[in-house]
Amino acid sequence: MLPAHFIALMITLTHFNNRSFLLNPFLIEQVESLPDTTITLTNGKKLIVKESPEEVGRIMAAFLKKISLISGLAAEEGVHRCSKAEQ
């Protein structure tokens, strides 16, 4: 069994044989529909998953929100816009 802190840094996807697997989302370079959803990793390896590219995008966005990457960037952008408005 993997440690909880390790699992927290992964997303869960599904192979075509219905087996779930964990993937480090920071290794994803691109997601395509060829027509099956194909994920290309930064090392060139390709994975075919059951989820649609849109579902993979939603899973990734939820993951980034969970680790506060999106909300932190959005908050920083909001502060930047407010400070420009004051000028």
PDB file of N, CA and C in Angstrom:
ATOM      1  N   MET A   1       0.847  -1.187   0.000  1.00  0.00           N
ATOM      2  CA  MET A   1       0.000   0.000   0.000  1.00  0.00           C
ATOM      3  C   MET A   1       0.886   1.241   0.000  1.00  0.00           C
ATOM      4  N   LEU A   2       0.514   2.218  -0.827  1.00  0.00           N
ATOM      5  CA  LEU A   2       1.278   3.453  -0.920  1.00  0.00           C
ATOM      6  C   LEU A   2       0.945   4.380   0.246  1.00  0.00           C
ATOM      7  N   PRO A   3       1.924   5.151   0.713  1.00  0.00           N
ATOM      8  CA  PRO A   3       1.654   6.111   1.788  1.00  0.00           C
ATOM      9  C   PRO A   3       0.637   7.162   1.336  1.00  0.00           C
ATOM     10  N   ALA A   4      -0.163   7.654   2.266  1.00  0.00           N
ATOM     11  CA  ALA A   4      -1.232   8.614   1.957  1.00  0.00           C
ATOM     12  C   ALA A   4      -0.683   9.883   1.318  1.00  0.00           C
ATOM     13  N   HIS A   5       0.475  10.369   1.785  1.00  0.00           N
ATOM     14  CA  HIS A   5       1.025  11.601   1.211  1.00  0.00           C
ATOM     15  C   HIS A   5       1.449  11.401  -0.237  1.00  0.00           C
ATOM     16  N   PHE A   6       1.807  10.186  -0.607  1.00  0.00           N
ATOM     17  CA  PHE A   6       2.174   9.870  -1.987  1.00  0.00           C
ATOM     18  C   PHE A   6       0.926   9.847  -2.858  1.00  0.00           C
ATOM     19  N   ILE A   7      -0.129   9.198  -2.376  1.00  0.00           N
ATOM     20  CA  ILE A   7      -1.388   9.099  -3.113  1.00  0.00           C
ATOM     21  C   ILE A   7      -2.001  10.480  -3.313  1.00  0.00           C
ATOM     22  N   ALA A   8      -1.829  11.358  -2.346  1.00  0.00           N
ATOM     23  CA  ALA A   8      -2.403  12.705  -2.432  1.00  0.00           C
ATOM     24  C   ALA A   8      -1.817  13.502  -3.596  1.00  0.00           C
ATOM     25  N   LEU A   9      -0.655  13.104  -4.096  1.00  0.00           N
ATOM     26  CA  LEU A   9      -0.008  13.814  -5.199  1.00  0.00           C
ATOM     27  C   LEU A   9      -0.243  13.139  -6.541  1.00  0.00           C
ATOM     28  N   MET A  10      -1.248  12.273  -6.615  1.00  0.00           N
ATOM     29  CA  MET A  10      -1.539  11.523  -7.828  1.00  0.00           C
ATOM     30  C   MET A  10      -2.996  11.719  -8.222  1.00  0.00           C
ATOM     31  N   ILE A  11      -3.296  11.444  -9.493  1.00  0.00           N
ATOM     32  CA  ILE A  11      -4.685  11.417  -9.945  1.00  0.00           C
ATOM     33  C   ILE A  11      -5.021   9.976 -10.313  1.00  0.00           C
ATOM     34  N   THR A  12      -6.283   9.615 -10.189  1.00  0.00           N
ATOM     35  CA  THR A  12      -6.726   8.260 -10.513  1.00  0.00           C
ATOM     36  C   THR A  12      -7.370   8.263 -11.891  1.00  0.00           C
ATOM     37  N   LEU A  13      -6.887   7.383 -12.755  1.00  0.00           N
ATOM     38  CA  LEU A  13      -7.433   7.213 -14.096  1.00  0.00           C
ATOM     39  C   LEU A  13      -7.734   5.734 -14.314  1.00  0.00           C
ATOM     40  N   THR A  14      -8.332   5.399 -15.466  1.00  0.00           N
ATOM     41  CA  THR A  14      -8.763   4.025 -15.721  1.00  0.00           C
ATOM     42  C   THR A  14      -8.223   3.527 -17.058  1.00  0.00           C
ATOM     43  N   HIS A  15      -7.548   2.366 -17.016  1.00  0.00           N
ATOM     44  CA  HIS A  15      -7.128   1.686 -18.246  1.00  0.00           C
ATOM     45  C   HIS A  15      -8.364   1.118 -18.933  1.00  0.00           C
ATOM     46  N   PHE A  16      -8.239   0.696 -20.188  1.00  0.00           N
ATOM     47  CA  PHE A  16      -9.374   0.124 -20.910  1.00  0.00           C
ATOM     48  C   PHE A  16      -9.828  -1.216 -20.350  1.00  0.00           C
ATOM     49  N   ASN A  17      -8.997  -1.875 -19.544  1.00  0.00           N
ATOM     50  CA  ASN A  17      -9.411  -3.135 -18.908  1.00  0.00           C
ATOM     51  C   ASN A  17     -10.130  -2.877 -17.583  1.00  0.00           C
ATOM     52  N   ASN A  18     -10.542  -1.625 -17.363  1.00  0.00           N
ATOM     53  CA  ASN A  18     -11.270  -1.188 -16.159  1.00  0.00           C
ATOM     54  C   ASN A  18     -10.439  -1.195 -14.887  1.00  0.00           C
ATOM     55  N   ARG A  19      -9.140  -1.300 -14.996  1.00  0.00           N
ATOM     56  CA  ARG A  19      -8.279  -1.226 -13.813  1.00  0.00           C
ATOM     57  C   ARG A  19      -7.860   0.220 -13.595  1.00  0.00           C
ATOM     58  N   SER A  20      -8.048   0.677 -12.373  1.00  0.00           N
ATOM     59  CA  SER A  20      -7.646   2.034 -12.005  1.00  0.00           C
ATOM     60  C   SER A  20      -6.151   2.075 -11.752  1.00  0.00           C
ATOM     61  N   PHE A  21      -5.557   3.217 -12.005  1.00  0.00           N
ATOM     62  CA  PHE A  21      -4.145   3.402 -11.694  1.00  0.00           C
ATOM     63  C   PHE A  21      -3.920   4.847 -11.275  1.00  0.00           C
ATOM     64  N   LEU A  22      -2.843   5.069 -10.561  1.00  0.00           N
ATOM     65  CA  LEU A  22      -2.472   6.412 -10.111  1.00  0.00           C
ATOM     66  C   LEU A  22      -1.411   6.968 -11.047  1.00  0.00           C
ATOM     67  N   LEU A  23      -1.545   8.244 -11.364  1.00  0.00           N
ATOM     68  CA  LEU A  23      -0.598   8.896 -12.261  1.00  0.00           C
ATOM     69  C   LEU A  23      -0.170  10.228 -11.660  1.00  0.00           C
ATOM     70  N   ASN A  24       1.112  10.497 -11.740  1.00  0.00           N
ATOM     71  CA  ASN A  24       1.632  11.792 -11.311  1.00  0.00           C
ATOM     72  C   ASN A  24       1.231  12.815 -12.380  1.00  0.00           C
ATOM     73  N   PRO A  25       0.321  13.730 -12.072  1.00  0.00           N
ATOM     74  CA  PRO A  25      -0.167  14.661 -13.092  1.00  0.00           C
ATOM     75  C   PRO A  25       0.889  15.637 -13.597  1.00  0.00           C
ATOM     76  N   PHE A  26       1.970  15.806 -12.861  1.00  0.00           N
ATOM     77  CA  PHE A  26       3.024  16.710 -13.300  1.00  0.00           C
ATOM     78  C   PHE A  26       3.852  16.114 -14.429  1.00  0.00           C
ATOM     79  N   LEU A  27       3.635  14.818 -14.724  1.00  0.00           N
ATOM     80  CA  LEU A  27       4.343  14.167 -15.823  1.00  0.00           C
ATOM     81  C   LEU A  27       3.563  14.241 -17.134  1.00  0.00           C
ATOM     82  N   ILE A  28       2.349  14.791 -17.099  1.00  0.00           N
ATOM     83  CA  ILE A  28       1.524  14.856 -18.302  1.00  0.00           C
ATOM     84  C   ILE A  28       1.971  16.027 -19.176  1.00  0.00           C
ATOM     85  N   GLU A  29       2.285  15.695 -20.419  1.00  0.00           N
ATOM     86  CA  GLU A  29       2.666  16.726 -21.385  1.00  0.00           C
ATOM     87  C   GLU A  29       1.469  17.151 -22.225  1.00  0.00           C
ATOM     88  N   GLN A  30       0.674  16.150 -22.673  1.00  0.00           N
ATOM     89  CA  GLN A  30      -0.512  16.491 -23.453  1.00  0.00           C
ATOM     90  C   GLN A  30      -1.543  15.382 -23.378  1.00  0.00           C
ATOM     91  N   VAL A  31      -2.798  15.756 -23.650  1.00  0.00           N
ATOM     92  CA  VAL A  31      -3.921  14.816 -23.670  1.00  0.00           C
ATOM     93  C   VAL A  31      -4.619  15.008 -25.008  1.00  0.00           C
ATOM     94  N   GLU A  32      -4.780  13.899 -25.751  1.00  0.00           N
ATOM     95  CA  GLU A  32      -5.377  13.969 -27.083  1.00  0.00           C
ATOM     96  C   GLU A  32      -6.488  12.943 -27.224  1.00  0.00           C
ATOM     97  N   SER A  33      -7.355  13.168 -28.194  1.00  0.00           N
ATOM     98  CA  SER A  33      -8.375  12.200 -28.560  1.00  0.00           C
ATOM     99  C   SER A  33      -7.995  11.673 -29.937  1.00  0.00           C
ATOM    100  N   LEU A  34      -7.570  10.400 -30.020  1.00  0.00           N
ATOM    101  CA  LEU A  34      -7.000   9.867 -31.269  1.00  0.00           C
ATOM    102  C   LEU A  34      -7.690   8.618 -31.818  1.00  0.00           C
ATOM    103  N   PRO A  35      -8.857   8.199 -31.773  1.00  0.00           N
ATOM    104  CA  PRO A  35      -9.983   8.793 -31.079  1.00  0.00           C
ATOM    105  C   PRO A  35     -10.004   8.442 -29.596  1.00  0.00           C
ATOM    106  N   ASP A  36      -9.262   7.389 -29.184  1.00  0.00           N
ATOM    107  CA  ASP A  36      -9.197   7.084 -27.749  1.00  0.00           C
ATOM    108  C   ASP A  36      -8.360   8.153 -27.059  1.00  0.00           C
ATOM    109  N   THR A  37      -8.656   8.397 -25.800  1.00  0.00           N
ATOM    110  CA  THR A  37      -7.914   9.409 -25.055  1.00  0.00           C
ATOM    111  C   THR A  37      -6.502   8.902 -24.811  1.00  0.00           C
ATOM    112  N   THR A  38      -5.543   9.630 -25.346  1.00  0.00           N
ATOM    113  CA  THR A  38      -4.135   9.264 -25.236  1.00  0.00           C
ATOM    114  C   THR A  38      -3.407  10.354 -24.469  1.00  0.00           C
ATOM    115  N   ILE A  39      -2.730   9.941 -23.403  1.00  0.00           N
ATOM    116  CA  ILE A  39      -1.958  10.870 -22.577  1.00  0.00           C
ATOM    117  C   ILE A  39      -0.488  10.654 -22.898  1.00  0.00           C
ATOM    118  N   THR A  40       0.196  11.721 -23.280  1.00  0.00           N
ATOM    119  CA  THR A  40       1.630  11.649 -23.522  1.00  0.00           C
ATOM    120  C   THR A  40       2.334  12.225 -22.304  1.00  0.00           C
ATOM    121  N   LEU A  41       3.271  11.448 -21.769  1.00  0.00           N
ATOM    122  CA  LEU A  41       4.030  11.885 -20.600  1.00  0.00           C
ATOM    123  C   LEU A  41       5.290  12.623 -21.042  1.00  0.00           C
ATOM    124  N   THR A  42       5.915  13.301 -20.123  1.00  0.00           N
ATOM    125  CA  THR A  42       7.109  14.087 -20.438  1.00  0.00           C
ATOM    126  C   THR A  42       8.264  13.223 -20.926  1.00  0.00           C
ATOM    127  N   ASN A  43       8.247  11.920 -20.612  1.00  0.00           N
ATOM    128  CA  ASN A  43       9.307  11.022 -21.077  1.00  0.00           C
ATOM    129  C   ASN A  43       8.969  10.383 -22.424  1.00  0.00           C
ATOM    130  N   GLY A  44       7.826  10.788 -23.038  1.00  0.00           N
ATOM    131  CA  GLY A  44       7.423  10.269 -24.335  1.00  0.00           C
ATOM    132  C   GLY A  44       6.501   9.065 -24.271  1.00  0.00           C
ATOM    133  N   LYS A  45       6.378   8.452 -23.107  1.00  0.00           N
ATOM    134  CA  LYS A  45       5.493   7.296 -22.955  1.00  0.00           C
ATOM    135  C   LYS A  45       4.051   7.737 -23.170  1.00  0.00           C
ATOM    136  N   LYS A  46       3.261   6.857 -23.811  1.00  0.00           N
ATOM    137  CA  LYS A  46       1.852   7.161 -24.069  1.00  0.00           C
ATOM    138  C   LYS A  46       0.968   6.193 -23.298  1.00  0.00           C
ATOM    139  N   LEU A  47      -0.103   6.727 -22.718  1.00  0.00           N
ATOM    140  CA  LEU A  47      -1.082   5.930 -21.986  1.00  0.00           C
ATOM    141  C   LEU A  47      -2.445   6.154 -22.621  1.00  0.00           C
ATOM    142  N   ILE A  48      -3.207   5.079 -22.792  1.00  0.00           N
ATOM    143  CA  ILE A  48      -4.571   5.192 -23.296  1.00  0.00           C
ATOM    144  C   ILE A  48      -5.504   4.938 -22.122  1.00  0.00           C
ATOM    145  N   VAL A  49      -6.433   5.864 -21.918  1.00  0.00           N
ATOM    146  CA  VAL A  49      -7.344   5.771 -20.772  1.00  0.00           C
ATOM    147  C   VAL A  49      -8.792   5.838 -21.232  1.00  0.00           C
ATOM    148  N   LYS A  50      -9.698   5.388 -20.363  1.00  0.00           N
ATOM    149  CA  LYS A  50     -11.132   5.397 -20.668  1.00  0.00           C
ATOM    150  C   LYS A  50     -11.735   6.796 -20.573  1.00  0.00           C
ATOM    151  N   GLU A  51     -11.192   7.631 -19.711  1.00  0.00           N
ATOM    152  CA  GLU A  51     -11.736   8.973 -19.516  1.00  0.00           C
ATOM    153  C   GLU A  51     -11.556   9.803 -20.791  1.00  0.00           C
ATOM    154  N   SER A  52     -12.494  10.704 -21.039  1.00  0.00           N
ATOM    155  CA  SER A  52     -12.380  11.617 -22.183  1.00  0.00           C
ATOM    156  C   SER A  52     -11.327  12.681 -21.857  1.00  0.00           C
ATOM    157  N   PRO A  53     -10.813  13.373 -22.881  1.00  0.00           N
ATOM    158  CA  PRO A  53      -9.872  14.460 -22.595  1.00  0.00           C
ATOM    159  C   PRO A  53     -10.477  15.507 -21.655  1.00  0.00           C
ATOM    160  N   GLU A  54     -11.782  15.776 -21.811  1.00  0.00           N
ATOM    161  CA  GLU A  54     -12.452  16.744 -20.936  1.00  0.00           C
ATOM    162  C   GLU A  54     -12.480  16.246 -19.491  1.00  0.00           C
ATOM    163  N   GLU A  55     -12.736  14.944 -19.315  1.00  0.00           N
ATOM    164  CA  GLU A  55     -12.737  14.378 -17.960  1.00  0.00           C
ATOM    165  C   GLU A  55     -11.348  14.458 -17.345  1.00  0.00           C
ATOM    166  N   VAL A  56     -10.320  14.151 -18.142  1.00  0.00           N
ATOM    167  CA  VAL A  56      -8.942  14.243 -17.638  1.00  0.00           C
ATOM    168  C   VAL A  56      -8.661  15.684 -17.223  1.00  0.00           C
ATOM    169  N   GLY A  57      -9.111  16.643 -18.023  1.00  0.00           N
ATOM    170  CA  GLY A  57      -8.936  18.055 -17.675  1.00  0.00           C
ATOM    171  C   GLY A  57      -9.618  18.413 -16.370  1.00  0.00           C
ATOM    172  N   ARG A  58     -10.848  17.919 -16.181  1.00  0.00           N
ATOM    173  CA  ARG A  58     -11.571  18.195 -14.927  1.00  0.00           C
ATOM    174  C   ARG A  58     -10.859  17.549 -13.736  1.00  0.00           C
ATOM    175  N   ILE A  59     -10.375  16.330 -13.923  1.00  0.00           N
ATOM    176  CA  ILE A  59      -9.650  15.640 -12.848  1.00  0.00           C
ATOM    177  C   ILE A  59      -8.392  16.421 -12.490  1.00  0.00           C
ATOM    178  N   MET A  60      -7.685  16.901 -13.515  1.00  0.00           N
ATOM    179  CA  MET A  60      -6.460  17.676 -13.264  1.00  0.00           C
ATOM    180  C   MET A  60      -6.782  18.995 -12.562  1.00  0.00           C
ATOM    181  N   ALA A  61      -7.845  19.672 -12.998  1.00  0.00           N
ATOM    182  CA  ALA A  61      -8.224  20.942 -12.364  1.00  0.00           C
ATOM    183  C   ALA A  61      -8.597  20.723 -10.904  1.00  0.00           C
ATOM    184  N   ALA A  62      -9.337  19.651 -10.627  1.00  0.00           N
ATOM    185  CA  ALA A  62      -9.709  19.339  -9.240  1.00  0.00           C
ATOM    186  C   ALA A  62      -8.464  19.055  -8.411  1.00  0.00           C
ATOM    187  N   PHE A  63      -7.504  18.347  -8.997  1.00  0.00           N
ATOM    188  CA  PHE A  63      -6.252  18.051  -8.298  1.00  0.00           C
ATOM    189  C   PHE A  63      -5.507  19.345  -7.981  1.00  0.00           C
ATOM    190  N   LEU A  64      -5.387  20.223  -8.971  1.00  0.00           N
ATOM    191  CA  LEU A  64      -4.660  21.476  -8.757  1.00  0.00           C
ATOM    192  C   LEU A  64      -5.342  22.352  -7.714  1.00  0.00           C
ATOM    193  N   LYS A  65      -6.664  22.343  -7.701  1.00  0.00           N
ATOM    194  CA  LYS A  65      -7.386  23.080  -6.660  1.00  0.00           C
ATOM    195  C   LYS A  65      -7.124  22.464  -5.299  1.00  0.00           C
ATOM    196  N   LYS A  66      -7.093  21.130  -5.269  1.00  0.00           N
ATOM    197  CA  LYS A  66      -6.869  20.426  -4.003  1.00  0.00           C
ATOM    198  C   LYS A  66      -5.519  20.794  -3.401  1.00  0.00           C
ATOM    199  N   ILE A  67      -4.523  20.961  -4.237  1.00  0.00           N
ATOM    200  CA  ILE A  67      -3.204  21.313  -3.705  1.00  0.00           C
ATOM    201  C   ILE A  67      -2.993  22.828  -3.695  1.00  0.00           C
ATOM    202  N   SER A  68      -4.081  23.568  -3.940  1.00  0.00           N
ATOM    203  CA  SER A  68      -4.104  25.035  -3.862  1.00  0.00           C
ATOM    204  C   SER A  68      -3.260  25.719  -4.925  1.00  0.00           C
ATOM    205  N   LEU A  69      -2.963  25.056  -6.015  1.00  0.00           N
ATOM    206  CA  LEU A  69      -2.175  25.690  -7.066  1.00  0.00           C
ATOM    207  C   LEU A  69      -3.030  26.649  -7.879  1.00  0.00           C
ATOM    208  N   ILE A  70      -4.227  26.230  -8.248  1.00  0.00           N
ATOM    209  CA  ILE A  70      -5.098  27.109  -9.033  1.00  0.00           C
ATOM    210  C   ILE A  70      -5.593  28.271  -8.191  1.00  0.00           C
ATOM    211  N   SER A  71      -6.103  27.991  -7.007  1.00  0.00           N
ATOM    212  CA  SER A  71      -6.655  29.070  -6.197  1.00  0.00           C
ATOM    213  C   SER A  71      -5.577  30.074  -5.813  1.00  0.00           C
ATOM    214  N   GLY A  72      -4.369  29.597  -5.576  1.00  0.00           N
ATOM    215  CA  GLY A  72      -3.273  30.500  -5.249  1.00  0.00           C
ATOM    216  C   GLY A  72      -2.923  31.402  -6.413  1.00  0.00           C
ATOM    217  N   LEU A  73      -2.884  30.844  -7.617  1.00  0.00           N
ATOM    218  CA  LEU A  73      -2.588  31.643  -8.801  1.00  0.00           C
ATOM    219  C   LEU A  73      -3.716  32.626  -9.084  1.00  0.00           C
ATOM    220  N   ALA A  74      -4.949  32.175  -8.936  1.00  0.00           N
ATOM    221  CA  ALA A  74      -6.095  33.049  -9.172  1.00  0.00           C
ATOM    222  C   ALA A  74      -6.100  34.200  -8.174  1.00  0.00           C
ATOM    223  N   ALA A  75      -5.787  33.904  -6.930  1.00  0.00           N
ATOM    224  CA  ALA A  75      -5.748  34.948  -5.904  1.00  0.00           C
ATOM    225  C   ALA A  75      -4.648  35.952  -6.217  1.00  0.00           C
ATOM    226  N   GLU A  76      -3.490  35.448  -6.646  1.00  0.00           N
ATOM    227  CA  GLU A  76      -2.376  36.334  -6.986  1.00  0.00           C
ATOM    228  C   GLU A  76      -2.749  37.231  -8.167  1.00  0.00           C
ATOM    229  N   GLU A  77      -3.418  36.665  -9.168  1.00  0.00           N
ATOM    230  CA  GLU A  77      -3.845  37.449 -10.321  1.00  0.00           C
ATOM    231  C   GLU A  77      -4.866  38.504  -9.906  1.00  0.00           C
ATOM    232  N   GLY A  78      -5.768  38.149  -9.008  1.00  0.00           N
ATOM    233  CA  GLY A  78      -6.766  39.095  -8.523  1.00  0.00           C
ATOM    234  C   GLY A  78      -6.126  40.264  -7.805  1.00  0.00           C
ATOM    235  N   VAL A  79      -5.136  40.002  -6.979  1.00  0.00           N
ATOM    236  CA  VAL A  79      -4.422  41.067  -6.268  1.00  0.00           C
ATOM    237  C   VAL A  79      -3.705  41.950  -7.274  1.00  0.00           C
ATOM    238  N   HIS A  80      -3.094  41.337  -8.285  1.00  0.00           N
ATOM    239  CA  HIS A  80      -2.375  42.098  -9.310  1.00  0.00           C
ATOM    240  C   HIS A  80      -3.331  43.031 -10.054  1.00  0.00           C
ATOM    241  N   ARG A  81      -4.515  42.518 -10.414  1.00  0.00           N
ATOM    242  CA  ARG A  81      -5.503  43.344 -11.121  1.00  0.00           C
ATOM    243  C   ARG A  81      -5.991  44.491 -10.245  1.00  0.00           C
ATOM    244  N   CYS A  82      -6.216  44.210  -8.957  1.00  0.00           N
ATOM    245  CA  CYS A  82      -6.688  45.259  -8.042  1.00  0.00           C
ATOM    246  C   CYS A  82      -5.644  46.353  -7.886  1.00  0.00           C
ATOM    247  N   SER A  83      -4.375  45.973  -7.792  1.00  0.00           N
ATOM    248  CA  SER A  83      -3.330  46.978  -7.615  1.00  0.00           C
ATOM    249  C   SER A  83      -3.183  47.828  -8.871  1.00  0.00           C
ATOM    250  N   LYS A  84      -3.431  47.253 -10.056  1.00  0.00           N
ATOM    251  CA  LYS A  84      -3.393  48.046 -11.291  1.00  0.00           C
ATOM    252  C   LYS A  84      -4.556  49.031 -11.324  1.00  0.00           C
ATOM    253  N   ALA A  85      -5.708  48.610 -10.823  1.00  0.00           N
ATOM    254  CA  ALA A  85      -6.892  49.473 -10.817  1.00  0.00           C
ATOM    255  C   ALA A  85      -6.683  50.686  -9.913  1.00  0.00           C
ATOM    256  N   GLU A  86      -5.922  50.503  -8.833  1.00  0.00           N
ATOM    257  CA  GLU A  86      -5.674  51.605  -7.904  1.00  0.00           C
ATOM    258  C   GLU A  86      -4.766  52.660  -8.520  1.00  0.00           C
ATOM    259  N   GLN A  87      -3.934  52.257  -9.481  1.00  0.00           N
ATOM    260  CA  GLN A  87      -2.961  53.187 -10.069  1.00  0.00           C
ATOM    261  C   GLN A  87      -3.634  54.133 -10.934  1.00  0.00           C
TER     262      GLN A  87
END
